Amino acid sequence: MDGLLIVSFGLLQIADGAITYIGLHCSEIDEANPLASFCFETFGLGTSIATMKLLGLAFLAFVFIRRHRIRSAWVTGTLSGVVAAYCWVVAQNLSLVLAT
C-alpha cells in the first residue's frame, strides 16, 4: 500500500510541475508560494521547477527504498493524507490553467 501511495505522490509531483510551468509560462497566473516565486525570478522558471521537483522525487525515492524499515500505520496515514491533499492542489492548478 505504501509503495502505491509513494508512486502516486511522485506522479502528482510531475503533474504539478508540468501544470505549474504551463500556467506560469503561458498565462497571467501568479505563483502563490513566495519561496517558489523567488526561485522562479532568481533562477528561471524551468530550472526552478525542475530542481524543486527533482529534489522532491529524490526524497520520495529514499522513502520508497526504506519503506519496509519504516512500516507504521502513521506512515500510511500520512502518505494517504499527503496524496489526497496534493490531488486537490493539482486539480486546483489544472482548473486555474484551463480557465485562462
Protein backbone atom coordinates (compact mmCIF):
# COMPACT_ATOMS: atom_id res chain seq x y z
CA MET A 1 0.00 0.00 0.00
CA ASP A 2 2.77 2.46 0.92
CA GLY A 3 4.54 1.79 -2.38
CA LEU A 4 1.40 2.68 -4.33
CA LEU A 5 0.96 5.89 -2.31
CA ILE A 6 4.60 6.87 -2.88
CA VAL A 7 4.33 6.26 -6.63
CA SER A 8 1.05 8.20 -6.73
CA PHE A 9 2.67 11.13 -4.93
CA GLY A 10 5.60 11.04 -7.38
CA LEU A 11 3.21 11.17 -10.35
CA LEU A 12 1.36 14.05 -8.71
CA GLN A 13 4.69 15.88 -8.28
CA ILE A 14 5.39 15.51 -12.00
CA ALA A 15 1.85 16.63 -12.93
CA ASP A 16 2.12 19.63 -10.61
CA GLY A 17 5.44 20.66 -12.14
CA ALA A 18 4.09 20.43 -15.68
CA ILE A 19 0.86 22.28 -14.87
CA THR A 20 2.74 24.96 -12.93
CA TYR A 21 5.15 25.51 -15.82
CA ILE A 22 2.35 25.74 -18.38
CA GLY A 23 0.27 28.01 -16.15
CA LEU A 24 3.07 30.43 -15.34
CA HIS A 25 4.68 30.38 -18.78
CA CYS A 26 1.56 30.67 -20.93
CA SER A 27 -0.85 32.77 -18.90
CA GLU A 28 -1.12 35.64 -16.45
CA ILE A 29 -1.36 33.37 -13.39
CA ASP A 30 0.93 34.35 -10.50
CA GLU A 31 2.66 31.88 -8.19
CA ALA A 32 1.11 31.89 -4.71
CA ASN A 33 4.16 30.41 -2.94
CA PRO A 34 6.60 33.25 -2.15
CA LEU A 35 9.63 30.93 -1.94
CA ALA A 36 8.85 29.36 -5.32
CA SER A 37 8.21 32.82 -6.78
CA PHE A 38 11.63 34.00 -5.55
CA CYS A 39 13.30 30.95 -7.12
CA PHE A 40 11.48 31.50 -10.42
CA GLU A 41 12.65 35.12 -10.57
CA THR A 42 16.21 34.29 -9.50
CA PHE A 43 16.98 31.06 -11.37
CA GLY A 44 14.33 30.94 -14.08
CA LEU A 45 11.01 29.16 -14.27
CA GLY A 46 12.04 25.87 -15.90
CA THR A 47 15.23 25.43 -13.88
CA SER A 48 13.48 26.16 -10.59
CA ILE A 49 10.54 23.84 -11.21
CA ALA A 50 12.81 21.03 -12.42
CA THR A 51 15.14 21.41 -9.41
CA MET A 52 12.32 21.52 -6.85
CA LYS A 53 10.53 18.53 -8.36
CA LEU A 54 13.76 16.50 -8.70
CA LEU A 55 14.54 17.14 -5.03
CA GLY A 56 11.01 16.04 -4.12
CA LEU A 57 11.33 12.92 -6.25
CA ALA A 58 14.74 12.12 -4.73
CA PHE A 59 13.18 12.26 -1.27
CA LEU A 60 10.33 10.03 -2.45
CA ALA A 61 12.85 7.55 -3.87
CA PHE A 62 14.55 7.45 -0.47
CA VAL A 63 11.22 6.83 1.29
CA PHE A 64 10.30 4.19 -1.30
CA ILE A 65 13.58 2.32 -0.79
CA ARG A 66 13.28 2.49 3.02
CA ARG A 67 9.53 1.78 3.21
CA HIS A 68 10.00 -1.76 4.55
CA ARG A 69 12.04 -0.50 7.51
CA ILE A 70 9.60 2.25 8.46
CA ARG A 71 6.41 0.23 8.46
CA SER A 72 3.87 2.04 10.56
CA ALA A 73 0.21 2.93 10.40
CA TRP A 74 1.35 6.55 10.86
CA VAL A 75 3.39 6.41 7.65
CA THR A 76 0.49 5.01 5.66
CA GLY A 77 -1.90 7.56 7.16
CA THR A 78 0.47 10.43 6.48
CA LEU A 79 1.10 9.32 2.90
CA SER A 80 -2.65 8.97 2.33
CA GLY A 81 -3.28 12.48 3.63
CA VAL A 82 -0.45 13.96 1.57
CA VAL A 83 -1.63 12.23 -1.61
CA ALA A 84 -5.22 13.40 -1.02
CA ALA A 85 -4.09 16.98 -0.37
CA TYR A 86 -1.80 17.00 -3.40
CA CYS A 87 -4.63 15.65 -5.58
CA TRP A 88 -6.60 18.72 -4.54
CA VAL A 89 -3.64 21.05 -5.26
CA VAL A 90 -3.08 19.58 -8.72
CA ALA A 91 -6.82 19.74 -9.50
CA GLN A 92 -6.95 23.40 -8.41
CA ASN A 93 -3.89 24.28 -10.50
CA LEU A 94 -5.33 22.48 -13.50
CA SER A 95 -8.65 24.30 -13.15
CA LEU A 96 -6.82 27.66 -12.99
CA VAL A 97 -4.81 26.87 -16.12
CA LEU A 98 -7.86 25.65 -18.04
CA ALA A 99 -9.87 28.73 -17.00
CA THR A 100 -7.37 31.13 -18.61
